[in-house]
Amino acid sequence: MGKKEIVITKGLYTGYSDKQIVCENINAHIERGSLTCLIGRNGAGKSTLMRTMCGFLKPIHGEVLLDGKKIEDYSHNALSRRLSVVLTEIISEINYLTVRSVVEMGRYPYCNCFASLSHEDYDIVDKSMKIVGIEDLAGKSMAALSDGQRQKVMIARALAQDTSVIVLDEPLSFLDMPSRIEIMKLLRDIAHTQEKAILLSSHDIELALHFADRLWVIDRNSHIYTTNAPYTDSSSIIDDVFGGQSILVKEFLKA
């Protein structure tokens, strides 16, 4: 494992059984201080791969290594101190919590059995909200926020969890274009300035090409390859993802 490589997949097959394989023979990695985007059309298997990367699904074959150790060999608590997850759907139960309360949830892997926070925990929560730029929202309820603001809160919670790896499943869904750009810029800045290894899935290929340091590309045949910025042949990447529909994407990007 290289000095900056923190998550590696080796001969990874994802899916739900030997007869329901979604993607096969994935050999890829993500690095500290880098923003990696997993791109592919809807239904290509992005969420299945993300769930496998996070330990929610077992690999059909192959392995996911985090700091050289198989992801399934971590205890829940040990894994939660190394990898944090931001899901697309924000559970309704947190709608009536304040922003600060939600961010504080990120400290639970480090709390005692009564889930009481220390002064150090509160300092980390404050720092996380400041990095994301939501200090002024601390006392507001989640229900009162816009979709973009809510996504920032979930990113701040992941930061408060103080993990080396942050995985986000379709964080741009339901956001308007200015919010999508803001979130992508924020994630790239966090990866670079906080030395986090960030992996996110998206079908917003134009934003991924602009912001990502590395792409994991699921092509139209459900094969995966990686490529690093600068992307000198973005047209070929678009063809690989969208096949016959790529002309529509290319014409849109020209507009």
Protein backbone atom coordinates (compact mmCIF):
# COMPACT_ATOMS: atom_id res chain seq x y z
CA MET A 1 0.00 0.00 0.00
CA GLY A 2 1.36 3.41 -0.97
CA LYS A 3 1.91 6.13 1.60
CA LYS A 4 -1.29 7.98 0.70
CA GLU A 5 -3.43 5.01 -0.34
CA ILE A 6 -5.92 4.30 2.42
CA VAL A 7 -8.69 2.26 0.75
CA ILE A 8 -7.90 -0.37 -1.88
CA THR A 9 -10.13 -2.80 -3.74
CA LYS A 10 -8.56 -6.01 -5.04
CA GLY A 11 -10.41 -8.19 -7.52
CA LEU A 12 -13.67 -6.91 -6.03
CA TYR A 13 -16.99 -8.25 -7.29
CA THR A 14 -20.11 -6.48 -6.01
CA GLY A 15 -23.71 -7.63 -5.99
CA TYR A 16 -26.10 -9.76 -3.99
CA SER A 17 -25.09 -13.32 -4.89
CA ASP A 18 -22.97 -15.21 -7.42
CA LYS A 19 -25.98 -15.01 -9.73
CA GLN A 20 -26.57 -11.29 -9.09
CA ILE A 21 -23.17 -9.72 -9.72
CA VAL A 22 -23.39 -6.01 -10.49
CA CYS A 23 -19.75 -5.00 -11.12
CA GLU A 24 -16.73 -7.26 -11.39
CA ASN A 25 -12.96 -7.34 -10.92
CA ILE A 26 -12.60 -3.84 -9.45
CA ASN A 27 -8.99 -2.87 -8.72
CA ALA A 28 -8.84 0.72 -7.51
CA HIS A 29 -7.83 2.92 -4.59
CA ILE A 30 -8.51 6.25 -2.94
CA GLU A 31 -5.89 8.46 -1.33
CA ARG A 32 -5.55 10.88 1.56
CA GLY A 33 -5.89 14.48 0.48
CA SER A 34 -7.83 13.54 -2.64
CA LEU A 35 -11.40 13.81 -3.93
CA THR A 36 -12.45 10.72 -5.90
CA CYS A 37 -15.73 10.59 -7.82
CA LEU A 38 -17.47 7.37 -8.82
CA ILE A 39 -19.44 8.16 -11.96
CA GLY A 40 -21.88 6.12 -13.98
CA ARG A 41 -25.37 6.25 -15.39
CA ASN A 42 -28.38 5.58 -13.16
CA GLY A 43 -28.65 1.88 -12.37
CA ALA A 44 -24.99 1.17 -13.19
CA GLY A 45 -24.22 -0.12 -9.69
CA LYS A 46 -22.81 2.93 -7.94
CA SER A 47 -24.83 2.51 -4.75
CA THR A 48 -24.07 -1.21 -4.56
CA LEU A 49 -20.35 -0.49 -4.81
CA MET A 50 -20.58 2.30 -2.22
CA ARG A 51 -22.41 0.01 0.22
CA THR A 52 -19.73 -2.64 -0.28
CA MET A 53 -16.98 -0.07 0.27
CA CYS A 54 -18.59 0.92 3.57
CA GLY A 55 -19.05 -2.64 4.81
CA PHE A 56 -22.86 -2.61 4.50
CA LEU A 57 -22.67 -5.37 1.87
CA LYS A 58 -20.17 -8.21 1.74
CA PRO A 59 -18.04 -8.59 -1.38
CA ILE A 60 -19.13 -11.43 -3.64
CA HIS A 61 -15.46 -12.00 -4.42
CA GLY A 62 -12.29 -10.06 -3.72
CA GLU A 63 -11.74 -7.60 -0.92
CA VAL A 64 -11.91 -4.02 0.29
CA LEU A 65 -8.90 -3.01 2.38
CA LEU A 66 -8.88 -0.07 4.78
CA ASP A 67 -5.41 0.69 6.12
CA GLY A 68 -4.38 -2.79 4.95
CA LYS A 69 -7.17 -4.61 6.82
CA LYS A 70 -10.29 -6.16 5.31
CA ILE A 71 -13.31 -3.93 5.85
CA GLU A 72 -15.38 -6.82 7.27
CA ASP A 73 -12.73 -7.54 9.92
CA TYR A 74 -13.34 -4.21 11.69
CA SER A 75 -15.74 -4.02 14.58
CA HIS A 76 -18.56 -1.51 14.12
CA ASN A 77 -17.00 0.93 16.56
CA ALA A 78 -13.49 0.61 15.13
CA LEU A 79 -14.79 1.13 11.59
CA SER A 80 -16.82 4.19 12.63
CA ARG A 81 -13.58 5.81 13.85
CA ARG A 82 -11.96 5.34 10.45
CA LEU A 83 -14.76 5.77 7.93
CA SER A 84 -17.79 8.06 7.95
CA VAL A 85 -20.76 7.83 5.61
CA VAL A 86 -23.11 10.50 4.25
CA LEU A 87 -26.23 9.00 2.67
CA THR A 88 -28.55 10.65 0.17
CA GLU A 89 -31.64 10.22 2.28
CA ILE A 90 -31.61 12.11 5.58
CA ILE A 91 -33.70 10.16 8.06
CA SER A 92 -36.87 11.96 9.09
CA GLU A 93 -36.19 11.45 12.80
CA ILE A 94 -33.50 14.16 12.77
CA ASN A 95 -35.76 16.81 11.25
CA TYR A 96 -36.64 18.19 14.66
CA LEU A 97 -33.11 18.22 16.01
CA THR A 98 -30.97 21.34 15.90
CA VAL A 99 -28.07 21.57 13.51
CA ARG A 100 -25.62 21.44 16.39
CA SER A 101 -27.24 18.30 17.81
CA VAL A 102 -26.90 16.54 14.47
CA VAL A 103 -23.23 17.49 14.11
CA GLU A 104 -22.62 16.29 17.68
CA MET A 105 -23.78 12.81 16.59
CA GLY A 106 -20.47 12.52 14.79
CA ARG A 107 -18.73 12.27 18.17
CA TYR A 108 -20.72 9.25 19.39
CA PRO A 109 -18.05 6.67 18.40
CA TYR A 110 -15.77 8.36 20.95
CA CYS A 111 -18.27 8.84 23.77
CA ASN A 112 -18.77 6.86 26.95
CA CYS A 113 -21.81 4.65 27.40
CA PHE A 114 -23.91 7.66 28.47
CA ALA A 115 -23.00 9.50 25.24
CA SER A 116 -21.79 12.59 27.11
CA LEU A 117 -19.46 14.90 25.21
CA SER A 118 -16.19 16.24 26.54
CA HIS A 119 -14.77 19.73 26.06
CA GLU A 120 -12.58 18.28 23.31
CA ASP A 121 -15.67 16.85 21.60
CA TYR A 122 -17.39 20.24 21.67
CA ASP A 123 -14.27 21.89 20.23
CA ILE A 124 -14.23 19.39 17.35
CA VAL A 125 -17.92 20.03 16.69
CA ASP A 126 -17.29 23.80 16.61
CA LYS A 127 -14.36 23.35 14.24
CA SER A 128 -16.35 21.08 11.93
CA MET A 129 -19.21 23.57 11.65
CA LYS A 130 -16.74 26.37 10.97
CA ILE A 131 -14.98 24.44 8.19
CA VAL A 132 -18.31 23.82 6.48
CA GLY A 133 -19.54 27.36 7.16
CA ILE A 134 -22.70 26.63 9.15
CA GLU A 135 -21.88 28.23 12.51
CA ASP A 136 -24.80 30.64 12.11
CA LEU A 137 -27.21 27.71 11.66
CA ALA A 138 -26.28 25.94 14.92
CA GLY A 139 -29.56 26.64 16.71
CA LYS A 140 -31.89 26.06 13.77
CA SER A 141 -33.88 22.86 13.34
CA MET A 142 -33.04 20.60 10.42
CA ALA A 143 -36.61 20.96 9.17
CA ALA A 144 -36.06 24.69 8.62
CA LEU A 145 -33.06 24.24 6.31
CA SER A 146 -32.76 24.10 2.55
CA ASP A 147 -31.55 20.87 0.93
CA GLY A 148 -28.11 22.40 0.37
CA GLN A 149 -27.84 23.49 4.00
CA ARG A 150 -28.92 20.05 5.22
CA GLN A 151 -26.23 18.43 3.10
CA LYS A 152 -23.64 20.75 4.65
CA VAL A 153 -24.80 19.69 8.11
CA MET A 154 -24.31 16.03 7.23
CA ILE A 155 -20.83 16.80 5.91
CA ALA A 156 -20.04 18.63 9.16
CA ARG A 157 -21.24 15.58 11.10
CA ALA A 158 -18.87 13.40 9.05
CA LEU A 159 -16.04 15.81 9.80
CA ALA A 160 -16.84 15.73 13.51
CA GLN A 161 -16.54 11.95 13.33
CA ASP A 162 -12.84 12.63 12.66
CA THR A 163 -12.24 9.77 10.21
CA SER A 164 -9.59 9.49 7.52
CA VAL A 165 -12.18 8.43 4.95
CA ILE A 166 -15.51 10.07 4.08
CA VAL A 167 -17.89 8.29 1.69
CA LEU A 168 -20.90 10.09 0.22
CA ASP A 169 -23.63 8.38 -1.79
CA GLU A 170 -25.09 10.80 -4.37
CA PRO A 171 -24.67 13.95 -2.23
CA LEU A 172 -25.77 16.19 -5.11
CA SER A 173 -29.22 14.64 -5.50
CA PHE A 174 -32.12 17.06 -5.04
CA LEU A 175 -29.80 20.10 -5.14
CA ASP A 176 -29.99 22.99 -7.61
CA MET A 177 -26.95 23.81 -9.73
CA PRO A 178 -25.45 26.53 -7.47
CA SER A 179 -25.74 24.21 -4.46
CA ARG A 180 -24.18 21.32 -6.36
CA ILE A 181 -21.21 23.47 -7.33
CA GLU A 182 -20.87 24.72 -3.75
CA ILE A 183 -20.93 21.19 -2.30
CA MET A 184 -18.36 19.89 -4.80
CA LYS A 185 -16.03 22.80 -4.12
CA LEU A 186 -16.46 22.31 -0.37
CA LEU A 187 -15.64 18.60 -0.59
CA ARG A 188 -12.57 19.21 -2.73
CA ASP A 189 -11.34 21.87 -0.29
CA ILE A 190 -11.91 19.54 2.69
CA ALA A 191 -10.02 16.71 0.98
CA HIS A 192 -7.06 18.94 0.19
CA THR A 193 -6.85 21.02 3.38
CA GLN A 194 -7.87 18.35 5.93
CA GLU A 195 -6.02 15.45 4.27
CA LYS A 196 -9.21 13.41 3.99
CA ALA A 197 -9.76 10.62 1.48
CA ILE A 198 -13.18 11.46 0.06
CA LEU A 199 -15.15 9.18 -2.25
CA LEU A 200 -18.50 10.25 -3.64
CA SER A 201 -20.84 8.80 -6.23
CA SER A 202 -22.56 10.98 -8.79
CA HIS A 203 -24.10 10.98 -12.24
CA ASP A 204 -23.18 14.70 -12.62
CA ILE A 205 -20.29 13.95 -14.92
CA GLU A 206 -19.58 17.57 -15.81
CA LEU A 207 -19.04 18.51 -12.15
CA ALA A 208 -16.97 15.39 -11.52
CA LEU A 209 -14.70 16.25 -14.45
CA HIS A 210 -14.24 19.75 -13.09
CA PHE A 211 -13.68 19.06 -9.38
CA ALA A 212 -12.44 15.47 -8.88
CA ASP A 213 -8.78 14.54 -8.51
CA ARG A 214 -9.59 10.99 -9.64
CA LEU A 215 -12.51 9.28 -11.34
CA TRP A 216 -13.78 5.75 -10.95
CA VAL A 217 -15.71 5.25 -14.17
CA ILE A 218 -18.42 2.59 -14.53
CA ASP A 219 -18.79 2.12 -18.26
CA ARG A 220 -21.89 0.98 -20.10
CA ASN A 221 -20.74 -2.65 -19.78
CA SER A 222 -20.49 -2.36 -15.95
CA HIS A 223 -16.69 -2.44 -16.04
CA ILE A 224 -14.77 -0.01 -13.87
CA TYR A 225 -11.55 1.83 -14.62
CA THR A 226 -9.79 4.76 -12.95
CA THR A 227 -8.28 7.91 -14.38
CA ASN A 228 -6.60 10.93 -12.81
CA ALA A 229 -6.98 14.66 -13.43
CA PRO A 230 -6.38 16.49 -15.69
CA TYR A 231 -8.83 14.64 -17.91
CA THR A 232 -7.44 15.21 -21.38
CA ASP A 233 -10.03 12.95 -23.05
CA SER A 234 -13.27 13.84 -21.31
CA SER A 235 -15.19 13.05 -24.51
CA SER A 236 -14.10 9.41 -24.30
CA ILE A 237 -15.14 9.22 -20.63
CA ILE A 238 -18.60 10.51 -21.52
CA ASP A 239 -18.85 7.92 -24.30
CA ASP A 240 -17.84 5.15 -21.89
CA VAL A 241 -20.52 6.13 -19.38
CA PHE A 242 -23.47 6.98 -21.62
CA GLY A 243 -22.82 5.06 -24.83
CA GLY A 244 -25.27 6.06 -27.56
CA GLN A 245 -26.75 8.81 -25.41
CA SER A 246 -23.38 10.54 -24.97
CA ILE A 247 -24.13 12.91 -27.86
CA LEU A 248 -26.88 14.51 -25.77
CA VAL A 249 -24.46 15.13 -22.89
CA LYS A 250 -21.77 16.53 -25.17
CA GLU A 251 -24.20 18.91 -26.86
CA PHE A 252 -25.42 20.09 -23.45
CA LEU A 253 -21.86 20.72 -22.24
CA LYS A 254 -21.20 22.84 -25.32
CA ALA A 255 -24.23 25.04 -24.62
